[in-house]
Amino acid sequence: VQLQASGGGLVQAGGSLRLSCAASGDPLSRYAVAWFRQAPGQVRTFVATISGRGSTYHRDSVKGRFMLSRDNAENTAWLQMNSLKAEDTGVYYCAASTQVGGTSDIGAYEYWGQGTQVTVSS
């Protein structure tokens, strides 16, 4: 499967962005999808995951602000990000795993999109 991430940009603190992860080459329903982010000088860290059936898990720092969803018919997953904070700044990567139940383990994700930059100004 090939993944194409988009939707990043520059936004003021408190604003919103919606990231998209479009899949091609294989039905996205066969995969769990996750978003990871990497701040400058930091390691890539888990943000949220959604199973093939739509069960979600978000890291504590984004719960209530971010929502991961998917539409298997459209072969796309979205990360809706609200109430953005400066610490949400980074490059956001979507990834897919054949562990279709979903996991926060970065090592479980075999396929990666190219990343999209999110910058939140305070």
C-alpha atoms as a PDB file:
ATOM      1  CA  VAL A   1       0.000   0.000   0.000  1.00  0.00           C
ATOM      2  CA  GLN A   2       1.171   3.548  -0.743  1.00  0.00           C
ATOM      3  CA  LEU A   3       0.187   6.401   1.557  1.00  0.00           C
ATOM      4  CA  GLN A   4      -0.116  10.098   0.743  1.00  0.00           C
ATOM      5  CA  ALA A   5      -0.376  12.511   3.675  1.00  0.00           C
ATOM      6  CA  SER A   6      -1.689  16.044   3.229  1.00  0.00           C
ATOM      7  CA  GLY A   7      -3.417  18.881   5.030  1.00  0.00           C
ATOM      8  CA  GLY A   8      -0.659  20.376   7.126  1.00  0.00           C
ATOM      9  CA  GLY A   9      -0.025  24.078   7.414  1.00  0.00           C
ATOM     10  CA  LEU A  10       0.521  27.063   9.659  1.00  0.00           C
ATOM     11  CA  VAL A  11      -2.188  27.815  12.209  1.00  0.00           C
ATOM     12  CA  GLN A  12      -2.508  29.934  15.329  1.00  0.00           C
ATOM     13  CA  ALA A  13      -2.847  28.317  18.713  1.00  0.00           C
ATOM     14  CA  GLY A  14      -6.451  27.325  19.285  1.00  0.00           C
ATOM     15  CA  GLY A  15      -7.039  26.727  15.596  1.00  0.00           C
ATOM     16  CA  SER A  16      -7.831  23.555  13.680  1.00  0.00           C
ATOM     17  CA  LEU A  17      -6.394  21.473  10.877  1.00  0.00           C
ATOM     18  CA  ARG A  18      -7.546  18.300   9.181  1.00  0.00           C
ATOM     19  CA  LEU A  19      -4.897  15.895   7.947  1.00  0.00           C
ATOM     20  CA  SER A  20      -5.670  13.317   5.286  1.00  0.00           C
ATOM     21  CA  CYS A  21      -4.003   9.986   4.586  1.00  0.00           C
ATOM     22  CA  ALA A  22      -4.973   8.635   1.186  1.00  0.00           C
ATOM     23  CA  ALA A  23      -4.081   5.047   0.322  1.00  0.00           C
ATOM     24  CA  SER A  24      -3.528   3.427  -3.038  1.00  0.00           C
ATOM     25  CA  GLY A  25      -2.420   0.050  -4.287  1.00  0.00           C
ATOM     26  CA  ASP A  26      -4.320  -2.007  -1.708  1.00  0.00           C
ATOM     27  CA  PRO A  27      -7.582  -1.665   0.241  1.00  0.00           C
ATOM     28  CA  LEU A  28      -6.970   0.373   3.356  1.00  0.00           C
ATOM     29  CA  SER A  29      -9.444  -1.853   5.205  1.00  0.00           C
ATOM     30  CA  ARG A  30      -6.673  -4.457   5.462  1.00  0.00           C
ATOM     31  CA  TYR A  31      -4.632  -2.168   7.690  1.00  0.00           C
ATOM     32  CA  ALA A  32      -4.666  -0.288  10.921  1.00  0.00           C
ATOM     33  CA  VAL A  33      -3.764   3.347  10.334  1.00  0.00           C
ATOM     34  CA  ALA A  34      -1.882   5.608  12.694  1.00  0.00           C
ATOM     35  CA  TRP A  35      -0.444   9.074  12.856  1.00  0.00           C
ATOM     36  CA  PHE A  36       2.926   9.825  14.357  1.00  0.00           C
ATOM     37  CA  ARG A  37       4.613  13.184  14.723  1.00  0.00           C
ATOM     38  CA  GLN A  38       8.183  14.326  14.928  1.00  0.00           C
ATOM     39  CA  ALA A  39       9.112  17.648  16.462  1.00  0.00           C
ATOM     40  CA  PRO A  40      12.449  19.253  15.551  1.00  0.00           C
ATOM     41  CA  GLY A  41      15.283  17.363  17.195  1.00  0.00           C
ATOM     42  CA  GLN A  42      12.904  14.802  18.689  1.00  0.00           C
ATOM     43  CA  VAL A  43      12.086  11.184  17.961  1.00  0.00           C
ATOM     44  CA  ARG A  44       8.944  10.262  16.099  1.00  0.00           C
ATOM     45  CA  THR A  45       6.116   9.637  18.562  1.00  0.00           C
ATOM     46  CA  PHE A  46       2.685   8.076  18.449  1.00  0.00           C
ATOM     47  CA  VAL A  47      -0.404  10.298  18.153  1.00  0.00           C
ATOM     48  CA  ALA A  48      -3.392   8.069  17.381  1.00  0.00           C
ATOM     49  CA  THR A  49      -4.384   4.811  15.741  1.00  0.00           C
ATOM     50  CA  ILE A  50      -7.553   3.394  14.227  1.00  0.00           C
ATOM     51  CA  SER A  51      -8.214  -0.278  13.632  1.00  0.00           C
ATOM     52  CA  GLY A  52      -9.546  -1.713  10.409  1.00  0.00           C
ATOM     53  CA  ARG A  53     -13.010  -1.711  11.961  1.00  0.00           C
ATOM     54  CA  GLY A  54     -12.782   1.834  13.268  1.00  0.00           C
ATOM     55  CA  SER A  55     -11.784   1.484  16.913  1.00  0.00           C
ATOM     56  CA  THR A  56      -9.561   4.357  17.941  1.00  0.00           C
ATOM     57  CA  TYR A  57      -6.883   5.055  20.517  1.00  0.00           C
ATOM     58  CA  HIS A  58      -5.362   8.498  21.042  1.00  0.00           C
ATOM     59  CA  ARG A  59      -2.427   9.478  23.209  1.00  0.00           C
ATOM     60  CA  ASP A  60      -3.459  11.253  26.390  1.00  0.00           C
ATOM     61  CA  SER A  61      -2.141  14.671  25.357  1.00  0.00           C
ATOM     62  CA  VAL A  62      -4.469  14.849  22.349  1.00  0.00           C
ATOM     63  CA  LYS A  63      -7.578  13.192  23.758  1.00  0.00           C
ATOM     64  CA  GLY A  64     -10.577  15.459  23.412  1.00  0.00           C
ATOM     65  CA  ARG A  65      -8.755  17.625  20.851  1.00  0.00           C
ATOM     66  CA  PHE A  66      -7.827  15.208  18.025  1.00  0.00           C
ATOM     67  CA  MET A  67     -10.059  12.659  16.362  1.00  0.00           C
ATOM     68  CA  LEU A  68      -8.896   9.964  13.964  1.00  0.00           C
ATOM     69  CA  SER A  69     -11.465   8.552  11.546  1.00  0.00           C
ATOM     70  CA  ARG A  70     -11.489   6.513   8.363  1.00  0.00           C
ATOM     71  CA  ASP A  71     -13.653   5.677   5.389  1.00  0.00           C
ATOM     72  CA  ASN A  72     -12.575   2.385   3.880  1.00  0.00           C
ATOM     73  CA  ALA A  73     -14.751   2.960   0.821  1.00  0.00           C
ATOM     74  CA  GLU A  74     -12.719   6.105   0.117  1.00  0.00           C
ATOM     75  CA  ASN A  75      -9.447   4.446   1.115  1.00  0.00           C
ATOM     76  CA  THR A  76      -8.734   7.453   3.313  1.00  0.00           C
ATOM     77  CA  ALA A  77      -8.176   8.259   6.970  1.00  0.00           C
ATOM     78  CA  TRP A  78      -8.369  11.700   8.541  1.00  0.00           C
ATOM     79  CA  LEU A  79      -6.930  13.281  11.654  1.00  0.00           C
ATOM     80  CA  GLN A  80      -9.081  16.200  12.805  1.00  0.00           C
ATOM     81  CA  MET A  81      -7.019  18.411  15.086  1.00  0.00           C
ATOM     82  CA  ASN A  82      -8.767  21.055  17.168  1.00  0.00           C
ATOM     83  CA  SER A  83      -7.582  23.413  19.894  1.00  0.00           C
ATOM     84  CA  LEU A  84      -4.063  23.168  18.569  1.00  0.00           C
ATOM     85  CA  LYS A  85      -1.163  24.049  20.828  1.00  0.00           C
ATOM     86  CA  ALA A  86       2.403  25.089  20.077  1.00  0.00           C
ATOM     87  CA  GLU A  87       3.611  21.715  21.328  1.00  0.00           C
ATOM     88  CA  ASP A  88       1.630  20.015  18.552  1.00  0.00           C
ATOM     89  CA  THR A  89       4.104  21.432  16.037  1.00  0.00           C
ATOM     90  CA  GLY A  90       5.986  18.881  13.982  1.00  0.00           C
ATOM     91  CA  VAL A  91       5.984  16.734  10.890  1.00  0.00           C
ATOM     92  CA  TYR A  92       3.015  14.398  10.926  1.00  0.00           C
ATOM     93  CA  TYR A  93       3.316  10.992   9.302  1.00  0.00           C
ATOM     94  CA  CYS A  94       0.547   8.543   8.530  1.00  0.00           C
ATOM     95  CA  ALA A  95       1.388   4.873   8.643  1.00  0.00           C
ATOM     96  CA  ALA A  96      -0.301   1.545   8.021  1.00  0.00           C
ATOM     97  CA  SER A  97       0.122  -1.760   9.780  1.00  0.00           C
ATOM     98  CA  THR A  98      -1.021  -5.253   8.917  1.00  0.00           C
ATOM     99  CA  GLN A  99      -1.770  -5.600  12.646  1.00  0.00           C
ATOM    100  CA  VAL A 100      -5.279  -4.553  11.741  1.00  0.00           C
ATOM    101  CA  GLY A 101      -6.410  -4.237  15.368  1.00  0.00           C
ATOM    102  CA  GLY A 102      -4.216  -1.151  15.784  1.00  0.00           C
ATOM    103  CA  THR A 103      -1.202  -0.501  17.985  1.00  0.00           C
ATOM    104  CA  SER A 104       0.873   2.407  19.271  1.00  0.00           C
ATOM    105  CA  ASP A 105       4.096   0.476  18.594  1.00  0.00           C
ATOM    106  CA  ILE A 106       5.948   2.350  15.855  1.00  0.00           C
ATOM    107  CA  GLY A 107       7.796  -0.843  14.924  1.00  0.00           C
ATOM    108  CA  ALA A 108       4.522  -2.458  13.854  1.00  0.00           C
ATOM    109  CA  TYR A 109       3.961  -0.014  11.010  1.00  0.00           C
ATOM    110  CA  GLU A 110       5.384  -1.261   7.725  1.00  0.00           C
ATOM    111  CA  TYR A 111       4.128   1.466   5.402  1.00  0.00           C
ATOM    112  CA  TRP A 112       4.657   5.198   5.726  1.00  0.00           C
ATOM    113  CA  GLY A 113       3.519   8.351   3.998  1.00  0.00           C
ATOM    114  CA  GLN A 114       5.889  11.209   3.277  1.00  0.00           C
ATOM    115  CA  GLY A 115       4.886  13.491   6.167  1.00  0.00           C
ATOM    116  CA  THR A 116       3.137  16.829   6.314  1.00  0.00           C
ATOM    117  CA  GLN A 117       4.316  19.826   8.335  1.00  0.00           C
ATOM    118  CA  VAL A 118       2.094  21.258  11.063  1.00  0.00           C
ATOM    119  CA  THR A 119       3.198  24.522  12.632  1.00  0.00           C
ATOM    120  CA  VAL A 120       1.232  26.063  15.484  1.00  0.00           C
ATOM    121  CA  SER A 121       2.152  29.617  16.396  1.00  0.00           C
ATOM    122  CA  SER A 122       1.606  30.784  19.941  1.00  0.00           C
END
